[in-house]
PDB file of N, CA and C in Angstrom:
ATOM      1  N   MET A   1    -115.791 -12.607 -46.928  1.00  0.00           N
ATOM      2  CA  MET A   1    -115.808 -13.797 -47.755  1.00  0.00           C
ATOM      3  C   MET A   1    -116.153 -13.391 -49.181  1.00  0.00           C
ATOM      4  N   GLN A   2    -115.274 -13.742 -50.103  1.00  0.00           N
ATOM      5  CA  GLN A   2    -115.505 -13.404 -51.501  1.00  0.00           C
ATOM      6  C   GLN A   2    -115.958 -14.639 -52.255  1.00  0.00           C
ATOM      7  N   LEU A   3    -116.892 -14.422 -53.143  1.00  0.00           N
ATOM      8  CA  LEU A   3    -117.351 -15.507 -53.997  1.00  0.00           C
ATOM      9  C   LEU A   3    -116.569 -15.462 -55.296  1.00  0.00           C
ATOM     10  N   ASP A   4    -116.071 -16.605 -55.715  1.00  0.00           N
ATOM     11  CA  ASP A   4    -115.398 -16.618 -57.002  1.00  0.00           C
ATOM     12  C   ASP A   4    -116.402 -16.920 -58.108  1.00  0.00           C
ATOM     13  N   GLU A   5    -115.958 -16.857 -59.340  1.00  0.00           N
ATOM     14  CA  GLU A   5    -116.864 -17.021 -60.478  1.00  0.00           C
ATOM     15  C   GLU A   5    -117.529 -18.391 -60.501  1.00  0.00           C
ATOM     16  N   GLU A   6    -116.839 -19.427 -60.045  1.00  0.00           N
ATOM     17  CA  GLU A   6    -117.433 -20.769 -59.996  1.00  0.00           C
ATOM     18  C   GLU A   6    -118.599 -20.815 -59.014  1.00  0.00           C
ATOM     19  N   ASP A   7    -118.423 -20.193 -57.850  1.00  0.00           N
ATOM     20  CA  ASP A   7    -119.501 -20.163 -56.854  1.00  0.00           C
ATOM     21  C   ASP A   7    -120.710 -19.419 -57.394  1.00  0.00           C
ATOM     22  N   ILE A   8    -120.456 -18.290 -58.043  1.00  0.00           N
ATOM     23  CA  ILE A   8    -121.556 -17.493 -58.588  1.00  0.00           C
ATOM     24  C   ILE A   8    -122.284 -18.272 -59.674  1.00  0.00           C
ATOM     25  N   ALA A   9    -121.555 -18.921 -60.560  1.00  0.00           N
ATOM     26  CA  ALA A   9    -122.169 -19.713 -61.626  1.00  0.00           C
ATOM     27  C   ALA A   9    -122.959 -20.877 -61.040  1.00  0.00           C
ATOM     28  N   SER A  10    -122.428 -21.508 -60.010  1.00  0.00           N
ATOM     29  CA  SER A  10    -123.108 -22.619 -59.358  1.00  0.00           C
ATOM     30  C   SER A  10    -124.416 -22.152 -58.710  1.00  0.00           C
ATOM     31  N   GLU A  11    -124.344 -21.040 -57.998  1.00  0.00           N
ATOM     32  CA  GLU A  11    -125.549 -20.508 -57.358  1.00  0.00           C
ATOM     33  C   GLU A  11    -126.577 -20.079 -58.398  1.00  0.00           C
ATOM     34  N   ARG A  12    -126.121 -19.470 -59.480  1.00  0.00           N
ATOM     35  CA  ARG A  12    -127.044 -19.065 -60.539  1.00  0.00           C
ATOM     36  C   ARG A  12    -127.718 -20.294 -61.153  1.00  0.00           C
ATOM     37  N   GLY A  13    -126.963 -21.359 -61.349  1.00  0.00           N
ATOM     38  CA  GLY A  13    -127.528 -22.602 -61.873  1.00  0.00           C
ATOM     39  C   GLY A  13    -128.584 -23.172 -60.938  1.00  0.00           C
ATOM     40  N   GLU A  14    -128.312 -23.129 -59.646  1.00  0.00           N
ATOM     41  CA  GLU A  14    -129.277 -23.617 -58.666  1.00  0.00           C
ATOM     42  C   GLU A  14    -130.553 -22.779 -58.685  1.00  0.00           C
ATOM     43  N   LEU A  15    -130.399 -21.465 -58.791  1.00  0.00           N
ATOM     44  CA  LEU A  15    -131.571 -20.592 -58.847  1.00  0.00           C
ATOM     45  C   LEU A  15    -132.406 -20.861 -60.097  1.00  0.00           C
ATOM     46  N   HIS A  16    -131.746 -21.068 -61.229  1.00  0.00           N
ATOM     47  CA  HIS A  16    -132.473 -21.383 -62.459  1.00  0.00           C
ATOM     48  C   HIS A  16    -133.202 -22.713 -62.336  1.00  0.00           C
ATOM     49  N   PHE A  17    -132.554 -23.687 -61.709  1.00  0.00           N
ATOM     50  CA  PHE A  17    -133.190 -24.986 -61.495  1.00  0.00           C
ATOM     51  C   PHE A  17    -134.432 -24.836 -60.623  1.00  0.00           C
ATOM     52  N   LEU A  18    -134.295 -24.108 -59.520  1.00  0.00           N
ATOM     53  CA  LEU A  18    -135.434 -23.918 -58.617  1.00  0.00           C
ATOM     54  C   LEU A  18    -136.569 -23.157 -59.290  1.00  0.00           C
ATOM     55  N   ALA A  19    -136.227 -22.141 -60.073  1.00  0.00           N
ATOM     56  CA  ALA A  19    -137.264 -21.388 -60.784  1.00  0.00           C
ATOM     57  C   ALA A  19    -137.992 -22.285 -61.777  1.00  0.00           C
ATOM     58  N   ALA A  20    -137.257 -23.114 -62.498  1.00  0.00           N
ATOM     59  CA  ALA A  20    -137.884 -24.024 -63.460  1.00  0.00           C
ATOM     60  C   ALA A  20    -138.735 -25.058 -62.738  1.00  0.00           C
ATOM     61  N   LEU A  21    -138.282 -25.529 -61.600  1.00  0.00           N
ATOM     62  CA  LEU A  21    -139.028 -26.499 -60.811  1.00  0.00           C
ATOM     63  C   LEU A  21    -140.358 -25.912 -60.343  1.00  0.00           C
ATOM     64  N   VAL A  22    -140.323 -24.705 -59.808  1.00  0.00           N
ATOM     65  CA  VAL A  22    -141.547 -24.047 -59.353  1.00  0.00           C
ATOM     66  C   VAL A  22    -142.488 -23.814 -60.527  1.00  0.00           C
ATOM     67  N   ASP A  23    -141.937 -23.393 -61.663  1.00  0.00           N
ATOM     68  CA  ASP A  23    -142.747 -23.168 -62.852  1.00  0.00           C
ATOM     69  C   ASP A  23    -143.474 -24.445 -63.264  1.00  0.00           C
ATOM     70  N   GLU A  24    -142.761 -25.560 -63.284  1.00  0.00           N
ATOM     71  CA  GLU A  24    -143.380 -26.842 -63.658  1.00  0.00           C
ATOM     72  C   GLU A  24    -144.421 -27.281 -62.641  1.00  0.00           C
ATOM     73  N   LEU A  25    -144.137 -27.080 -61.361  1.00  0.00           N
ATOM     74  CA  LEU A  25    -145.120 -27.431 -60.324  1.00  0.00           C
ATOM     75  C   LEU A  25    -146.393 -26.611 -60.472  1.00  0.00           C
ATOM     76  N   MET A  26    -146.235 -25.326 -60.757  1.00  0.00           N
ATOM     77  CA  MET A  26    -147.413 -24.477 -60.938  1.00  0.00           C
ATOM     78  C   MET A  26    -148.210 -24.925 -62.157  1.00  0.00           C
ATOM     79  N   ARG A  27    -147.523 -25.292 -63.234  1.00  0.00           N
ATOM     80  CA  ARG A  27    -148.215 -25.772 -64.435  1.00  0.00           C
ATOM     81  C   ARG A  27    -148.982 -27.068 -64.148  1.00  0.00           C
ATOM     82  N   LYS A  28    -148.347 -27.976 -63.433  1.00  0.00           N
ATOM     83  CA  LYS A  28    -149.006 -29.246 -63.100  1.00  0.00           C
ATOM     84  C   LYS A  28    -150.228 -29.015 -62.213  1.00  0.00           C
ATOM     85  N   LEU A  29    -150.112 -28.114 -61.247  1.00  0.00           N
ATOM     86  CA  LEU A  29    -151.251 -27.793 -60.381  1.00  0.00           C
ATOM     87  C   LEU A  29    -152.382 -27.174 -61.195  1.00  0.00           C
ATOM     88  N   HIS A  30    -152.034 -26.375 -62.185  1.00  0.00           N
ATOM     89  CA  HIS A  30    -153.048 -25.782 -63.058  1.00  0.00           C
ATOM     90  C   HIS A  30    -153.719 -26.854 -63.910  1.00  0.00           C
ATOM     91  N   LEU A  31    -152.916 -27.734 -64.503  1.00  0.00           N
ATOM     92  CA  LEU A  31    -153.471 -28.803 -65.340  1.00  0.00           C
ATOM     93  C   LEU A  31    -154.334 -29.771 -64.531  1.00  0.00           C
ATOM     94  N   ALA A  32    -154.000 -29.954 -63.263  1.00  0.00           N
ATOM     95  CA  ALA A  32    -154.775 -30.841 -62.395  1.00  0.00           C
ATOM     96  C   ALA A  32    -156.049 -30.158 -61.876  1.00  0.00           C
ATOM     97  N   GLY A  33    -156.197 -28.881 -62.190  1.00  0.00           N
ATOM     98  CA  GLY A  33    -157.386 -28.158 -61.755  1.00  0.00           C
ATOM     99  C   GLY A  33    -157.307 -27.645 -60.333  1.00  0.00           C
ATOM    100  N   LEU A  34    -156.117 -27.659 -59.750  1.00  0.00           N
ATOM    101  CA  LEU A  34    -155.966 -27.211 -58.367  1.00  0.00           C
ATOM    102  C   LEU A  34    -155.691 -25.713 -58.260  1.00  0.00           C
ATOM    103  N   LEU A  35    -155.180 -25.123 -59.342  1.00  0.00           N
ATOM    104  CA  LEU A  35    -154.963 -23.680 -59.403  1.00  0.00           C
ATOM    105  C   LEU A  35    -155.584 -23.160 -60.689  1.00  0.00           C
ATOM    106  N   SER A  36    -156.290 -22.069 -60.582  1.00  0.00           N
ATOM    107  CA  SER A  36    -156.848 -21.445 -61.781  1.00  0.00           C
ATOM    108  C   SER A  36    -155.800 -20.525 -62.406  1.00  0.00           C
ATOM    109  N   GLN A  37    -156.080 -20.056 -63.602  1.00  0.00           N
ATOM    110  CA  GLN A  37    -155.169 -19.109 -64.239  1.00  0.00           C
ATOM    111  C   GLN A  37    -155.097 -17.826 -63.414  1.00  0.00           C
ATOM    112  N   ALA A  38    -156.214 -17.436 -62.831  1.00  0.00           N
ATOM    113  CA  ALA A  38    -156.223 -16.259 -61.956  1.00  0.00           C
ATOM    114  C   ALA A  38    -155.324 -16.481 -60.737  1.00  0.00           C
ATOM    115  N   ASP A  39    -155.351 -17.701 -60.182  1.00  0.00           N
ATOM    116  CA  ASP A  39    -154.468 -18.035 -59.048  1.00  0.00           C
ATOM    117  C   ASP A  39    -153.006 -17.918 -59.458  1.00  0.00           C
ATOM    118  N   LEU A  40    -152.675 -18.459 -60.637  1.00  0.00           N
ATOM    119  CA  LEU A  40    -151.294 -18.400 -61.119  1.00  0.00           C
ATOM    120  C   LEU A  40    -150.846 -16.957 -61.307  1.00  0.00           C
ATOM    121  N   ASN A  41    -151.712 -16.134 -61.905  1.00  0.00           N
ATOM    122  CA  ASN A  41    -151.371 -14.726 -62.100  1.00  0.00           C
ATOM    123  C   ASN A  41    -151.208 -14.004 -60.768  1.00  0.00           C
ATOM    124  N   SER A  42    -152.031 -14.344 -59.807  1.00  0.00           N
ATOM    125  CA  SER A  42    -151.939 -13.734 -58.484  1.00  0.00           C
ATOM    126  C   SER A  42    -150.613 -14.086 -57.805  1.00  0.00           C
ATOM    127  N   ILE A  43    -150.234 -15.350 -57.886  1.00  0.00           N
ATOM    128  CA  ILE A  43    -148.952 -15.795 -57.317  1.00  0.00           C
ATOM    129  C   ILE A  43    -147.808 -15.072 -58.003  1.00  0.00           C
ATOM    130  N   GLU A  44    -147.856 -15.021 -59.313  1.00  0.00           N
ATOM    131  CA  GLU A  44    -146.808 -14.359 -60.089  1.00  0.00           C
ATOM    132  C   GLU A  44    -146.693 -12.881 -59.712  1.00  0.00           C
ATOM    133  N   GLU A  45    -147.830 -12.203 -59.577  1.00  0.00           N
ATOM    134  CA  GLU A  45    -147.825 -10.787 -59.217  1.00  0.00           C
ATOM    135  C   GLU A  45    -147.228 -10.560 -57.828  1.00  0.00           C
ATOM    136  N   GLU A  46    -147.577 -11.413 -56.888  1.00  0.00           N
ATOM    137  CA  GLU A  46    -147.065 -11.259 -55.525  1.00  0.00           C
ATOM    138  C   GLU A  46    -145.552 -11.481 -55.473  1.00  0.00           C
ATOM    139  N   VAL A  47    -145.085 -12.510 -56.153  1.00  0.00           N
ATOM    140  CA  VAL A  47    -143.642 -12.790 -56.167  1.00  0.00           C
ATOM    141  C   VAL A  47    -142.896 -11.659 -56.861  1.00  0.00           C
ATOM    142  N   ALA A  48    -143.419 -11.201 -58.000  1.00  0.00           N
ATOM    143  CA  ALA A  48    -142.769 -10.102 -58.724  1.00  0.00           C
ATOM    144  C   ALA A  48    -142.710  -8.845 -57.858  1.00  0.00           C
ATOM    145  N   ARG A  49    -143.774  -8.583 -57.117  1.00  0.00           N
ATOM    146  CA  ARG A  49    -143.788  -7.418 -56.227  1.00  0.00           C
ATOM    147  C   ARG A  49    -142.706  -7.535 -55.160  1.00  0.00           C
ATOM    148  N   ARG A  50    -142.578  -8.728 -54.598  1.00  0.00           N
ATOM    149  CA  ARG A  50    -141.584  -8.933 -53.524  1.00  0.00           C
ATOM    150  C   ARG A  50    -140.157  -8.767 -54.003  1.00  0.00           C
ATOM    151  N   ILE A  51    -139.885  -9.182 -55.225  1.00  0.00           N
ATOM    152  CA  ILE A  51    -138.501  -9.107 -55.712  1.00  0.00           C
ATOM    153  C   ILE A  51    -138.254  -7.895 -56.604  1.00  0.00           C
ATOM    154  N   GLY A  52    -139.295  -7.067 -56.817  1.00  0.00           N
ATOM    155  CA  GLY A  52    -139.130  -5.874 -57.608  1.00  0.00           C
ATOM    156  C   GLY A  52    -138.990  -6.143 -59.090  1.00  0.00           C
ATOM    157  N   ASN A  53    -139.790  -7.063 -59.586  1.00  0.00           N
ATOM    158  CA  ASN A  53    -139.721  -7.445 -60.984  1.00  0.00           C
ATOM    159  C   ASN A  53    -141.097  -7.266 -61.630  1.00  0.00           C
ATOM    160  N   ILE A  54    -141.162  -7.468 -62.927  1.00  0.00           N
ATOM    161  CA  ILE A  54    -142.423  -7.383 -63.661  1.00  0.00           C
ATOM    162  C   ILE A  54    -143.009  -8.789 -63.741  1.00  0.00           C
ATOM    163  N   PRO A  55    -144.283  -8.962 -63.355  1.00  0.00           N
ATOM    164  CA  PRO A  55    -144.877 -10.314 -63.394  1.00  0.00           C
ATOM    165  C   PRO A  55    -145.101 -10.799 -64.821  1.00  0.00           C
ATOM    166  N   ARG A  56    -144.965 -12.094 -64.994  1.00  0.00           N
ATOM    167  CA  ARG A  56    -145.296 -12.725 -66.277  1.00  0.00           C
ATOM    168  C   ARG A  56    -146.769 -13.064 -66.252  1.00  0.00           C
ATOM    169  N   ALA A  57    -147.364 -13.107 -67.422  1.00  0.00           N
ATOM    170  CA  ALA A  57    -148.767 -13.527 -67.523  1.00  0.00           C
ATOM    171  C   ALA A  57    -148.809 -15.029 -67.740  1.00  0.00           C
ATOM    172  N   TRP A  58    -149.740 -15.696 -67.075  1.00  0.00           N
ATOM    173  CA  TRP A  58    -149.913 -17.129 -67.250  1.00  0.00           C
ATOM    174  C   TRP A  58    -150.985 -17.397 -68.247  1.00  0.00           C
TER     175      TRP A  58
END
């Protein structure tokens, strides 16, 4: 099964949407006092490790 450029662009758009959604949820949890900055950094580090990326600082 081959993916055409439309499918790839659509999937990339969905991934960007999900990443932005998670980012906003994490920010809201931080602002509500449910996650500390250390918690956010820990989550970021774990996700970056799993996907082989460099973590962002919160």
